[in-house]
């Protein structure tokens, strides 16, 4: 890794999730050697880039996030797997939102798309107009 002019590490260039995974892996190896850990550590990380650098969440963001998390827990509690949370009527007050689960297979389709095999399942993409009043 390139260093700053004075020799220090460029911390801004380090992917935080990979750094944390690195140190967790070291700790778990030490615990495994002592016999205090017997699990498997296989981290999967994702870099959110600029998505993770936005402003503070609005009240809507917090309400939608809490609703989605709670709905996920309810689906799991009732044994519903292979489903994504759906929150509809989000333009209404939160107490009027329609919350449910959508089978993940309903969100994908086998459709020839550039760069994919004919049998690959892809999530349908659509253009979104930020100026349209239609939902």
C-alpha atoms as a PDB file:
ATOM      1  CA  UNK A   1       0.000   0.000   0.000  1.00  0.00           C
ATOM      2  CA  UNK A   2       1.228   3.456  -0.796  1.00  0.00           C
ATOM      3  CA  UNK A   3       2.059   5.570   2.226  1.00  0.00           C
ATOM      4  CA  UNK A   4       1.694   9.246   2.959  1.00  0.00           C
ATOM      5  CA  UNK A   5       4.711  11.468   2.259  1.00  0.00           C
ATOM      6  CA  UNK A   6       5.862  11.287   5.888  1.00  0.00           C
ATOM      7  CA  UNK A   7       5.572   7.473   5.873  1.00  0.00           C
ATOM      8  CA  UNK A   8       2.256   6.902   7.669  1.00  0.00           C
ATOM      9  CA  UNK A   9      -0.365   4.525   6.284  1.00  0.00           C
ATOM     10  CA  UNK A  10      -3.179   6.091   4.254  1.00  0.00           C
ATOM     11  CA  UNK A  11      -6.047   5.133   6.562  1.00  0.00           C
ATOM     12  CA  UNK A  12      -8.627   6.587   4.205  1.00  0.00           C
ATOM     13  CA  UNK A  13      -7.535   4.042   1.574  1.00  0.00           C
ATOM     14  CA  UNK A  14      -8.120   1.032   3.857  1.00  0.00           C
ATOM     15  CA  UNK A  15     -11.442  -0.751   3.462  1.00  0.00           C
ATOM     16  CA  UNK A  16     -12.713  -0.736   7.055  1.00  0.00           C
ATOM     17  CA  UNK A  17     -14.732  -3.936   6.766  1.00  0.00           C
ATOM     18  CA  UNK A  18     -11.696  -5.848   5.485  1.00  0.00           C
ATOM     19  CA  UNK A  19      -9.483  -4.400   8.218  1.00  0.00           C
ATOM     20  CA  UNK A  20     -11.948  -5.473  10.914  1.00  0.00           C
ATOM     21  CA  UNK A  21     -12.265  -8.924   9.327  1.00  0.00           C
ATOM     22  CA  UNK A  22      -8.464  -9.221   9.315  1.00  0.00           C
ATOM     23  CA  UNK A  23      -8.177  -8.474  13.044  1.00  0.00           C
ATOM     24  CA  UNK A  24     -11.155 -10.680  13.942  1.00  0.00           C
ATOM     25  CA  UNK A  25      -9.545 -13.547  12.026  1.00  0.00           C
ATOM     26  CA  UNK A  26      -6.286 -13.100  13.959  1.00  0.00           C
ATOM     27  CA  UNK A  27      -8.166 -13.082  17.273  1.00  0.00           C
ATOM     28  CA  UNK A  28     -10.182 -16.174  16.395  1.00  0.00           C
ATOM     29  CA  UNK A  29      -7.047 -18.062  15.324  1.00  0.00           C
ATOM     30  CA  UNK A  30      -5.517 -17.286  18.716  1.00  0.00           C
ATOM     31  CA  UNK A  31      -8.690 -18.414  20.497  1.00  0.00           C
ATOM     32  CA  UNK A  32      -8.803 -21.602  18.395  1.00  0.00           C
ATOM     33  CA  UNK A  33      -5.173 -22.343  19.356  1.00  0.00           C
ATOM     34  CA  UNK A  34      -6.141 -21.961  23.050  1.00  0.00           C
ATOM     35  CA  UNK A  35      -9.205 -24.174  22.549  1.00  0.00           C
ATOM     36  CA  UNK A  36     -11.585 -21.320  23.338  1.00  0.00           C
ATOM     37  CA  UNK A  37     -13.155 -21.195  19.866  1.00  0.00           C
ATOM     38  CA  UNK A  38     -14.192 -23.967  17.510  1.00  0.00           C
ATOM     39  CA  UNK A  39     -16.298 -22.166  14.927  1.00  0.00           C
ATOM     40  CA  UNK A  40     -15.617 -21.165  11.352  1.00  0.00           C
ATOM     41  CA  UNK A  41     -15.009 -17.571  10.356  1.00  0.00           C
ATOM     42  CA  UNK A  42     -15.842 -16.735   6.737  1.00  0.00           C
ATOM     43  CA  UNK A  43     -16.505 -12.991   6.458  1.00  0.00           C
ATOM     44  CA  UNK A  44     -18.287 -11.531   3.455  1.00  0.00           C
ATOM     45  CA  UNK A  45     -17.830  -7.817   3.043  1.00  0.00           C
ATOM     46  CA  UNK A  46     -19.251  -5.188   0.760  1.00  0.00           C
ATOM     47  CA  UNK A  47     -17.976  -1.692   0.137  1.00  0.00           C
ATOM     48  CA  UNK A  48     -20.849   0.751   0.025  1.00  0.00           C
ATOM     49  CA  UNK A  49     -18.734   3.623  -1.290  1.00  0.00           C
ATOM     50  CA  UNK A  50     -20.630   6.844  -1.482  1.00  0.00           C
ATOM     51  CA  UNK A  51     -23.890   5.189  -0.421  1.00  0.00           C
ATOM     52  CA  UNK A  52     -22.396   4.957   3.066  1.00  0.00           C
ATOM     53  CA  UNK A  53     -21.362   8.605   3.096  1.00  0.00           C
ATOM     54  CA  UNK A  54     -24.725  10.280   2.841  1.00  0.00           C
ATOM     55  CA  UNK A  55     -26.329  12.613   5.339  1.00  0.00           C
ATOM     56  CA  UNK A  56     -28.079  11.629   8.529  1.00  0.00           C
ATOM     57  CA  UNK A  57     -31.199   9.528   7.999  1.00  0.00           C
ATOM     58  CA  UNK A  58     -34.518  11.318   7.947  1.00  0.00           C
ATOM     59  CA  UNK A  59     -37.455  10.290  10.108  1.00  0.00           C
ATOM     60  CA  UNK A  60     -38.812   8.467   7.031  1.00  0.00           C
ATOM     61  CA  UNK A  61     -35.527   6.546   6.661  1.00  0.00           C
ATOM     62  CA  UNK A  62     -35.623   5.540  10.321  1.00  0.00           C
ATOM     63  CA  UNK A  63     -39.273   4.489  10.157  1.00  0.00           C
ATOM     64  CA  UNK A  64     -38.753   2.469   6.979  1.00  0.00           C
ATOM     65  CA  UNK A  65     -35.619   0.812   8.364  1.00  0.00           C
ATOM     66  CA  UNK A  66     -37.307  -0.089  11.654  1.00  0.00           C
ATOM     67  CA  UNK A  67     -40.398  -1.371   9.863  1.00  0.00           C
ATOM     68  CA  UNK A  68     -38.309  -3.493   7.482  1.00  0.00           C
ATOM     69  CA  UNK A  69     -36.234  -4.934  10.325  1.00  0.00           C
ATOM     70  CA  UNK A  70     -39.273  -5.738  12.452  1.00  0.00           C
ATOM     71  CA  UNK A  71     -41.072  -7.297   9.475  1.00  0.00           C
ATOM     72  CA  UNK A  72     -37.994  -9.426   8.730  1.00  0.00           C
ATOM     73  CA  UNK A  73     -38.010 -10.719  12.295  1.00  0.00           C
ATOM     74  CA  UNK A  74     -41.727 -11.529  12.084  1.00  0.00           C
ATOM     75  CA  UNK A  75     -41.241 -13.437   8.830  1.00  0.00           C
ATOM     76  CA  UNK A  76     -38.373 -15.435  10.323  1.00  0.00           C
ATOM     77  CA  UNK A  77     -40.325 -16.100  13.525  1.00  0.00           C
ATOM     78  CA  UNK A  78     -43.145 -17.586  11.450  1.00  0.00           C
ATOM     79  CA  UNK A  79     -40.799 -19.751   9.395  1.00  0.00           C
ATOM     80  CA  UNK A  80     -41.080 -17.710   6.214  1.00  0.00           C
ATOM     81  CA  UNK A  81     -37.799 -17.961   4.333  1.00  0.00           C
ATOM     82  CA  UNK A  82     -36.876 -17.041   0.794  1.00  0.00           C
ATOM     83  CA  UNK A  83     -38.872 -13.824   1.077  1.00  0.00           C
ATOM     84  CA  UNK A  84     -38.058 -10.133   0.955  1.00  0.00           C
ATOM     85  CA  UNK A  85     -39.893  -7.561   3.055  1.00  0.00           C
ATOM     86  CA  UNK A  86     -42.316  -5.374   1.156  1.00  0.00           C
ATOM     87  CA  UNK A  87     -43.477  -2.012   2.489  1.00  0.00           C
ATOM     88  CA  UNK A  88     -46.162  -0.384   0.354  1.00  0.00           C
ATOM     89  CA  UNK A  89     -48.054   2.885   0.570  1.00  0.00           C
ATOM     90  CA  UNK A  90     -44.966   4.639   1.918  1.00  0.00           C
ATOM     91  CA  UNK A  91     -46.387   8.005   0.876  1.00  0.00           C
ATOM     92  CA  UNK A  92     -48.988   7.582   3.631  1.00  0.00           C
ATOM     93  CA  UNK A  93     -48.419   7.928   7.366  1.00  0.00           C
ATOM     94  CA  UNK A  94     -46.462   4.953   8.802  1.00  0.00           C
ATOM     95  CA  UNK A  95     -49.561   3.593  10.550  1.00  0.00           C
ATOM     96  CA  UNK A  96     -51.137   3.151   7.088  1.00  0.00           C
ATOM     97  CA  UNK A  97     -48.191   1.330   5.520  1.00  0.00           C
ATOM     98  CA  UNK A  98     -48.891  -2.136   4.118  1.00  0.00           C
ATOM     99  CA  UNK A  99     -46.153  -4.521   5.234  1.00  0.00           C
ATOM    100  CA  UNK A 100     -45.658  -8.055   3.986  1.00  0.00           C
ATOM    101  CA  UNK A 101     -43.311 -10.514   2.385  1.00  0.00           C
ATOM    102  CA  UNK A 102     -42.658 -11.152  -1.286  1.00  0.00           C
ATOM    103  CA  UNK A 103     -41.111 -14.443  -2.459  1.00  0.00           C
ATOM    104  CA  UNK A 104     -37.647 -13.661  -3.779  1.00  0.00           C
ATOM    105  CA  UNK A 105     -38.372 -15.762  -6.858  1.00  0.00           C
ATOM    106  CA  UNK A 106     -41.133 -13.292  -7.723  1.00  0.00           C
ATOM    107  CA  UNK A 107     -38.475 -10.579  -7.992  1.00  0.00           C
ATOM    108  CA  UNK A 108     -36.248 -12.397 -10.462  1.00  0.00           C
ATOM    109  CA  UNK A 109     -36.775 -13.755 -13.902  1.00  0.00           C
ATOM    110  CA  UNK A 110     -34.948 -15.919 -16.367  1.00  0.00           C
ATOM    111  CA  UNK A 111     -34.371 -13.404 -19.076  1.00  0.00           C
ATOM    112  CA  UNK A 112     -31.587 -13.105 -21.578  1.00  0.00           C
ATOM    113  CA  UNK A 113     -29.610 -10.036 -20.610  1.00  0.00           C
ATOM    114  CA  UNK A 114     -26.288  -8.841 -21.875  1.00  0.00           C
ATOM    115  CA  UNK A 115     -23.513 -10.537 -19.935  1.00  0.00           C
ATOM    116  CA  UNK A 116     -25.719 -13.300 -18.482  1.00  0.00           C
ATOM    117  CA  UNK A 117     -26.424 -16.861 -19.576  1.00  0.00           C
ATOM    118  CA  UNK A 118     -29.984 -17.674 -20.619  1.00  0.00           C
ATOM    119  CA  UNK A 119     -30.496 -19.698 -17.431  1.00  0.00           C
ATOM    120  CA  UNK A 120     -29.236 -16.982 -15.064  1.00  0.00           C
ATOM    121  CA  UNK A 121     -31.868 -15.354 -12.896  1.00  0.00           C
ATOM    122  CA  UNK A 122     -31.734 -11.565 -12.912  1.00  0.00           C
ATOM    123  CA  UNK A 123     -33.627  -8.866 -11.036  1.00  0.00           C
ATOM    124  CA  UNK A 124     -35.618  -6.833 -13.502  1.00  0.00           C
ATOM    125  CA  UNK A 125     -34.303  -3.310 -13.782  1.00  0.00           C
ATOM    126  CA  UNK A 126     -36.341  -0.317 -14.758  1.00  0.00           C
ATOM    127  CA  UNK A 127     -35.510   3.296 -15.359  1.00  0.00           C
ATOM    128  CA  UNK A 128     -36.723   5.597 -12.628  1.00  0.00           C
ATOM    129  CA  UNK A 129     -37.827   9.132 -13.254  1.00  0.00           C
ATOM    130  CA  UNK A 130     -37.052  11.461 -10.385  1.00  0.00           C
ATOM    131  CA  UNK A 131     -39.394  14.103 -11.779  1.00  0.00           C
ATOM    132  CA  UNK A 132     -42.475  11.944 -12.412  1.00  0.00           C
ATOM    133  CA  UNK A 133     -45.366  12.098  -9.938  1.00  0.00           C
ATOM    134  CA  UNK A 134     -46.431   8.545 -10.809  1.00  0.00           C
ATOM    135  CA  UNK A 135     -45.358   5.663  -8.581  1.00  0.00           C
END
